[in-house]
Every structure is written in structure tokens, then in C-alpha cells.
Protein backbone atom coordinates (compact mmCIF):
# COMPACT_ATOMS: atom_id res chain seq x y z
CA MET A 1 -8.41 -4.03 2.77
CA GLU A 2 -7.89 -0.06 3.17
CA ALA A 3 -9.32 2.26 1.67
CA ARG A 4 -6.92 3.72 -0.95
CA ALA A 5 -9.00 7.33 -1.83
CA ARG A 6 -5.62 9.24 -1.54
CA ALA A 7 -4.85 10.05 -5.01
CA ASN A 8 -5.56 13.09 -7.26
CA GLN A 9 -8.55 12.40 -9.60
CA PRO A 10 -11.88 13.72 -8.04
CA ILE A 11 -14.68 12.64 -9.85
CA SER A 12 -16.29 16.06 -12.30
CA SER A 13 -18.39 16.05 -14.80
CA VAL A 14 -18.30 17.19 -19.18
CA SER A 15 -21.30 18.21 -21.03
CA GLN A 16 -23.26 15.43 -22.73
CA GLN A 17 -22.31 17.77 -26.29
CA GLU A 18 -18.80 16.86 -25.00
CA SER A 19 -19.04 13.21 -24.00
CA ALA A 20 -18.56 9.98 -25.87
CA SER A 21 -20.13 6.89 -25.85
CA PRO A 22 -19.09 3.39 -27.19
CA PHE A 23 -18.91 3.28 -30.74
CA LEU A 24 -19.03 -0.46 -30.53
CA LYS A 25 -21.96 -2.50 -28.97
CA TRP A 26 -19.67 -5.50 -27.34
CA ALA A 27 -21.44 -8.91 -25.76
CA GLY A 28 -21.59 -7.87 -21.94
CA GLY A 29 -21.36 -4.71 -22.35
CA LYS A 30 -21.86 -2.01 -19.45
CA GLY A 31 -23.46 0.79 -20.53
CA GLN A 32 -27.45 -0.59 -18.51
CA LEU A 33 -25.23 -0.87 -15.33
CA LEU A 34 -23.53 2.68 -15.36
CA LYS A 35 -26.17 4.13 -12.42
CA ILE A 36 -24.98 1.64 -10.09
CA PHE A 37 -21.03 1.65 -11.08
CA GLU A 38 -21.63 5.45 -10.13
CA GLU A 39 -22.01 4.47 -6.72
CA HIS A 40 -19.16 1.68 -6.42
CA TYR A 41 -16.58 3.89 -8.23
CA PRO A 42 -13.78 5.83 -6.06
CA GLN A 43 -13.73 9.64 -5.24
CA ARG A 44 -10.37 9.93 -6.53
CA PHE A 45 -7.71 8.31 -8.25
CA GLY A 46 -4.64 8.52 -10.07
CA HIS A 47 -4.45 6.71 -13.33
CA TYR A 48 -7.42 4.56 -14.79
CA PHE A 49 -6.31 0.96 -16.18
CA GLU A 50 -9.07 -1.22 -18.42
CA PRO A 51 -7.07 -4.18 -19.81
CA PHE A 52 -10.59 -5.43 -21.23
CA ILE A 53 -11.85 -2.82 -22.94
CA GLY A 54 -14.92 -4.44 -24.94
CA GLY A 55 -17.08 -1.37 -25.86
CA GLY A 56 -15.52 0.95 -22.70
CA ALA A 57 -18.83 1.65 -21.42
CA VAL A 58 -16.83 2.28 -18.12
CA PHE A 59 -14.22 3.85 -19.57
CA PHE A 60 -16.43 6.85 -21.14
CA SER A 61 -18.51 7.25 -18.46
CA LEU A 62 -15.46 8.38 -16.21
CA GLY A 63 -14.24 10.04 -19.30
CA ALA A 64 -17.56 12.43 -19.71
CA ARG A 65 -17.42 12.45 -16.05
CA HIS A 66 -13.46 13.43 -15.81
CA PRO A 67 -12.32 15.92 -17.85
CA LYS A 68 -8.86 15.31 -17.77
CA LEU A 69 -8.84 11.35 -17.17
CA ARG A 70 -6.21 9.64 -17.26
CA ALA A 71 -6.20 6.50 -18.53
CA SER A 72 -5.04 3.43 -20.19
CA ILE A 73 -6.92 1.08 -22.31
CA SER A 74 -6.04 -2.30 -23.58
CA ASP A 75 -7.37 -5.92 -25.08
CA PHE A 76 -6.54 -8.85 -26.61
CA ASN A 77 -8.73 -8.40 -29.57
CA GLY A 78 -6.25 -7.57 -32.37
CA GLU A 79 -9.25 -6.10 -34.30
CA LEU A 80 -10.67 -4.37 -31.23
CA VAL A 81 -7.18 -2.33 -30.31
CA ASN A 82 -6.60 -1.22 -33.56
CA CYS A 83 -10.24 0.02 -33.78
CA TYR A 84 -9.50 2.50 -31.29
CA GLN A 85 -6.51 3.61 -32.28
CA VAL A 86 -8.04 4.05 -35.76
CA VAL A 87 -10.91 6.51 -33.78
CA ARG A 88 -7.95 8.78 -31.87
CA ASN A 89 -5.42 8.64 -34.87
CA HIS A 90 -7.31 9.11 -38.12
CA VAL A 91 -11.32 9.76 -37.26
CA ASP A 92 -11.35 12.07 -40.26
CA GLU A 93 -10.36 9.20 -42.74
CA LEU A 94 -12.56 6.65 -40.37
CA ILE A 95 -15.37 8.63 -41.18
CA THR A 96 -14.98 8.92 -44.66
CA GLU A 97 -14.23 5.40 -45.16
CA LEU A 98 -17.55 4.59 -43.21
CA SER A 99 -19.80 6.85 -45.28
CA SER A 100 -18.85 4.27 -48.63
CA HIS A 101 -20.84 0.92 -46.77
CA GLN A 102 -23.84 -0.62 -48.29
CA ASN A 103 -26.65 -2.34 -45.84
CA ASP A 104 -26.82 -4.87 -48.14
CA PRO A 105 -27.01 -8.65 -47.06
CA ASP A 106 -24.33 -9.92 -50.37
CA TYR A 107 -22.37 -6.44 -49.54
CA TYR A 108 -22.56 -7.17 -46.14
CA TYR A 109 -20.87 -10.83 -46.44
CA ALA A 110 -18.54 -10.41 -49.18
CA MET A 111 -17.28 -7.45 -45.99
CA ARG A 112 -17.14 -10.09 -44.00
CA ALA A 113 -15.47 -12.35 -45.61
CA ARG A 114 -12.41 -10.39 -46.51
CA ASP A 115 -9.17 -11.13 -45.27
CA THR A 116 -8.27 -8.28 -42.79
CA ASN A 117 -4.35 -8.63 -43.85
CA SER A 118 -5.07 -6.90 -47.14
CA LEU A 119 -6.36 -4.18 -45.53
CA SER A 120 -5.20 -0.83 -44.14
CA GLU A 121 -5.39 -0.13 -40.35
CA ILE A 122 -8.65 2.36 -41.75
CA GLU A 123 -10.39 -0.34 -43.67
CA ARG A 124 -9.92 -2.68 -41.28
CA ALA A 125 -11.98 -0.18 -37.80
CA SER A 126 -14.42 0.59 -40.48
CA ARG A 127 -15.35 -2.98 -41.67
CA LEU A 128 -15.16 -3.48 -37.74
CA ILE A 129 -17.55 -0.88 -37.28
CA TYR A 130 -19.60 -2.27 -40.13
CA LEU A 131 -19.84 -5.05 -39.09
CA ASN A 132 -20.55 -4.30 -35.18
CA LYS A 133 -23.48 -2.26 -36.97
CA THR A 134 -24.94 -4.51 -39.15
CA CYS A 135 -24.89 -8.05 -38.09
CA PHE A 136 -27.40 -9.90 -36.34
CA ASN A 137 -27.88 -8.06 -32.47
CA GLY A 138 -24.83 -6.30 -32.44
CA LEU A 139 -22.72 -10.04 -31.45
CA TYR A 140 -18.95 -9.77 -32.16
CA ARG A 141 -18.20 -13.48 -31.85
CA VAL A 142 -14.85 -15.67 -33.64
CA ASN A 143 -14.65 -18.97 -35.16
CA ARG A 144 -11.59 -21.09 -33.56
CA SER A 145 -9.37 -19.61 -36.22
CA GLY A 146 -10.61 -15.80 -35.42
CA GLN A 147 -12.92 -15.39 -38.24
CA PHE A 148 -15.90 -12.98 -37.63
CA ASN A 149 -18.78 -15.28 -38.59
CA VAL A 150 -22.14 -13.51 -37.13
CA PRO A 151 -25.11 -13.13 -39.84
CA PHE A 152 -26.11 -10.11 -41.48
CA GLY A 153 -29.01 -8.58 -39.34
CA LYS A 154 -31.43 -7.29 -41.56
CA TYR A 155 -32.09 -3.73 -39.76
CA LYS A 156 -33.65 -1.35 -42.48
CA ASN A 157 -32.02 1.83 -41.23
CA PRO A 158 -28.87 1.14 -39.28
CA ARG A 159 -26.94 4.30 -37.64
CA ILE A 160 -23.25 3.29 -39.94
CA VAL A 161 -22.17 6.60 -39.30
CA ASN A 162 -21.52 8.81 -35.77
CA GLU A 163 -20.02 11.62 -36.36
CA THR A 164 -20.36 13.28 -33.53
CA ASN A 165 -19.68 10.51 -31.41
CA LEU A 166 -16.69 9.21 -32.98
CA ARG A 167 -15.35 13.01 -32.60
CA ASN A 168 -16.01 13.46 -29.49
CA ALA A 169 -14.18 9.87 -28.86
CA SER A 170 -10.99 10.72 -30.80
CA LYS A 171 -10.95 13.90 -28.49
CA LEU A 172 -10.93 11.36 -25.32
CA LEU A 173 -8.64 9.08 -27.05
CA GLN A 174 -6.35 11.34 -27.40
CA ARG A 175 -5.22 11.31 -24.00
CA THR A 176 -5.53 7.40 -23.34
CA HIS A 177 -2.55 5.06 -23.69
CA ILE A 178 -4.00 1.87 -26.36
CA GLY A 179 -2.60 -1.45 -25.86
CA CYS A 180 -2.63 -5.09 -27.09
CA GLY A 181 -2.11 -8.36 -24.80
CA GLY A 182 -3.11 -9.55 -21.71
CA PHE A 183 -4.31 -8.19 -18.63
CA GLU A 184 -1.15 -9.28 -16.41
CA ALA A 185 0.86 -6.51 -18.92
CA VAL A 186 -0.78 -3.36 -16.73
CA LEU A 187 0.24 -4.45 -13.81
CA SER A 188 3.67 -2.65 -13.94
CA ARG A 189 2.48 0.39 -15.30
CA THR A 190 0.68 0.74 -12.43
CA LYS A 191 1.55 2.67 -8.51
CA SER A 192 -0.52 3.26 -5.57
CA GLY A 193 -3.97 4.56 -5.30
CA ASP A 194 -4.17 4.36 -9.78
CA PHE A 195 -7.84 2.66 -10.26
CA VAL A 196 -8.26 -0.61 -12.53
CA TYR A 197 -11.75 -2.21 -13.93
CA LEU A 198 -11.20 -5.45 -14.94
CA ASP A 199 -14.34 -6.69 -17.38
CA PRO A 200 -13.26 -10.23 -18.41
CA PRO A 201 -15.54 -13.00 -20.35
CA TYR A 202 -17.35 -14.18 -17.43
CA GLN A 203 -16.86 -17.43 -15.93
CA PRO A 204 -20.36 -19.72 -17.46
CA ILE A 205 -23.43 -20.46 -14.80
CA SER A 206 -24.30 -23.30 -16.96
CA THR A 207 -23.10 -25.70 -19.97
CA THR A 208 -25.39 -23.27 -22.52
CA SER A 209 -24.14 -19.99 -21.50
CA ASN A 210 -20.36 -20.34 -22.27
CA PHE A 211 -19.70 -17.19 -25.06
CA THR A 212 -16.05 -15.73 -24.47
CA SER A 213 -15.77 -16.38 -28.19
CA TYR A 214 -14.08 -12.75 -28.34
CA THR A 215 -10.77 -13.41 -29.65
CA ALA A 216 -10.36 -17.07 -30.66
CA ARG A 217 -8.71 -18.05 -27.69
CA ALA A 218 -11.36 -18.57 -24.26
CA PHE A 219 -10.82 -17.55 -21.48
CA SER A 220 -10.30 -20.46 -19.01
CA ILE A 221 -10.58 -21.29 -15.13
CA GLU A 222 -7.01 -21.29 -14.58
CA ASP A 223 -7.33 -17.75 -16.68
CA GLN A 224 -9.67 -16.66 -13.76
CA GLU A 225 -7.24 -18.24 -11.29
CA ARG A 226 -4.22 -16.09 -12.65
CA LEU A 227 -6.94 -12.96 -12.72
CA ARG A 228 -7.68 -12.95 -8.87
CA ASP A 229 -3.93 -13.66 -8.31
CA PHE A 230 -3.37 -10.05 -10.49
CA CYS A 231 -5.85 -8.55 -8.27
CA ARG A 232 -4.05 -10.06 -4.92
CA GLU A 233 -0.75 -7.54 -6.83
CA LEU A 234 -2.60 -4.47 -7.63
CA ASP A 235 -3.92 -4.97 -3.75
CA ARG A 236 -0.86 -5.39 -2.62
CA LYS A 237 0.78 -2.40 -4.49
CA GLY A 238 -1.94 -0.12 -3.34
CA CYS A 239 -4.33 -0.08 -6.15
CA MET A 240 -7.66 0.07 -6.17
CA PHE A 241 -9.92 -2.55 -8.35
CA MET A 242 -13.23 -3.12 -9.56
CA LEU A 243 -13.84 -6.42 -11.26
CA SER A 244 -17.26 -7.59 -12.80
CA ASN A 245 -18.24 -10.93 -13.30
CA SER A 246 -20.66 -13.72 -13.10
CA ASP A 247 -22.51 -14.44 -9.83
CA ASN A 248 -20.95 -18.28 -9.35
CA GLU A 249 -19.80 -20.54 -6.39
CA LEU A 250 -15.99 -20.51 -8.13
CA ILE A 251 -15.61 -16.25 -8.46
CA GLU A 252 -17.08 -16.16 -4.87
CA ASN A 253 -14.48 -18.40 -3.46
CA LEU A 254 -11.51 -16.84 -5.59
CA TYR A 255 -12.57 -12.79 -4.55
CA SER A 256 -13.57 -14.78 -0.72
CA GLU A 257 -11.43 -11.74 0.79
CA PHE A 258 -12.24 -8.59 -1.23
CA SER A 259 -16.15 -6.62 -0.28
CA THR A 260 -18.31 -8.65 -3.15
CA HIS A 261 -21.49 -6.61 -4.16
CA ARG A 262 -24.42 -9.22 -6.06
CA ILE A 263 -26.07 -6.35 -8.58
CA LEU A 264 -29.42 -6.85 -11.34
CA ALA A 265 -28.50 -6.72 -15.07
CA SER A 266 -30.07 -7.96 -18.07
CA ARG A 267 -28.63 -10.41 -20.70
CA ALA A 268 -28.83 -8.29 -23.50
CA ILE A 269 -27.46 -10.62 -25.98
CA ASN A 270 -28.37 -14.06 -26.87
CA CYS A 271 -29.64 -15.77 -30.12
CA LYS A 272 -32.68 -16.75 -28.41
CA GLY A 273 -34.93 -14.02 -27.08
CA ASN A 274 -36.19 -16.02 -24.55
CA ARG A 275 -33.04 -16.83 -22.78
CA ARG A 276 -32.43 -12.81 -22.44
CA GLY A 277 -33.46 -10.96 -19.09
CA ARG A 278 -32.12 -10.45 -15.71
CA ILE A 279 -29.44 -12.07 -14.19
CA THR A 280 -27.14 -10.84 -10.87
CA GLU A 281 -23.62 -10.38 -11.63
CA LEU A 282 -20.76 -9.59 -9.00
CA LEU A 283 -19.52 -6.83 -8.35
CA ILE A 284 -15.68 -6.98 -6.33
CA ARG A 285 -13.92 -4.34 -4.66
CA ASN A 286 -11.07 -4.01 -2.83
CA TYR A 287 -11.87 -0.57 -1.42
């Protein structure tokens, strides 16, 4: 491995008023780890790629640090990708649509049951943000049929509409390519000096921690091996990558040729409060 900090994009910053933060809460979100991640980002890089975008904490963090960030984000979850596209392309209409929702259990379950195929792109994005803000624990989970199945959260006054943040996110997304699909589709678009952050569904550390229901499709051991091979290809191309995953022997062995760091994270989303707490994760880099 060799350091690949020869690209053209230095880290800087913008004012907090103009910066955006995640507009969705996502299981495994990296907001709590951003201070640690700042010590591990490459100093300079070309294009930024994030093929498991989720809530986008790292993407928004880099956008705040670099006002001219050039990025490509993607995900296998079509509803999530649509939401990002709508925030980018139709933020005014989305804000209007979000303002019509009600924090009421009957309304919530009616909205949860709606067939997304009957909705417009804006209505689908609005529904996703609404459910995310009002469902139990902000947990995105679907069943094998791909249907959102989280119960009502019973919050007194959830912030369904954050107009300022949505508009700031829309500005950042104007110069961002947004795609839908698997991580391997990114490879052909990368070049030497680019930076790729990977936050896949984590390999379970126990039989009770297997939460990968972001889409109807599970992320298997074979997928983890494919991801390792993808990282090897990035390395061969001269790209810099940083990857997060659970701290277990399988993941450590898969990435034994790269630099591995153990970091402390909080398990923020679990149906049982006594199963939340501090846990080690692996942060893997090739630079």
C-alpha cells in the first residue's frame, strides 16, 4: 500500500449556517463518529464516492468541510435514492408536501400502508421522510416483500419539516451524481486519486445482531467477500478507500492486507434499550 494523496481537492470548511446535515436517521449512521473520522480522511482527493449512502453523515461532513466537493452517491435502496434525488431536484415541492403530514397513529399507519407505486416521486420522498421522523426509534426496516414495517413512534412533537437543512442539502446535492444500484457499479467511474467511503451492512457479531433489513435483500458473507475484492480493485487503480464494518475475525481476515483501526462506537438503534451501548468497530484504509 502507498499513500495516495496526490489529488486536487484539499479539505476546507464552510459556515455552519450554510452546511447540511443528514435529513434522515439511518441505522448504523456515522454522525457520532465524525470527529474520529476527521483524523482518518485523506488530506487531498479528487472525486468522492459513497456507494452505501444511507443517511449520508460522512458525505454531508465532507460537504461542510469542502464547499466545492465533487461527489457521487448511490445505494441499493430505491426509495432512499429517490429521496435524495427529490431533495436535489424538487426541494420546494417536497417542503410543501411534508408540511401536510400529521403526527397521528391512524394517519401514520395509513401512510405506511400506501402503495408507493401509486405515488409520485415527490410523494414517495415525503412519505419516507415522514415515516422516518415519526416511526419508532427512527428505524428504517423492510420485510422480505420490501414493505416498511416499523410501528408508530409516539413522539409528542417530531420535527417532520426542517426547511433550512433540506435547502442546504439540496445545494450540496446540485453538484452530486445520485445513482441506484450495487457498489460494484461505482468502479468504472473511479480514477487514481479519488476517495471512496464504504459503509456496508455490517457482518453480524452474534446471532441476535443480524440487522441488514435496509432492503429486502440481505448482505451475505459472499457479498462481504465481493466487497473486499472491490476494495482490492480500487487499490490497484490508485484510489483511496476507507471502510467501516463490525469488529470480528471474518472482517479482520478479509482485509488483513490493509490498515485496520479499532474505534469505539455507540449502538444507537436497538429495539431493547439494554442492548444499546459502546462497541468496537473496524475502520479499514489503504492509505
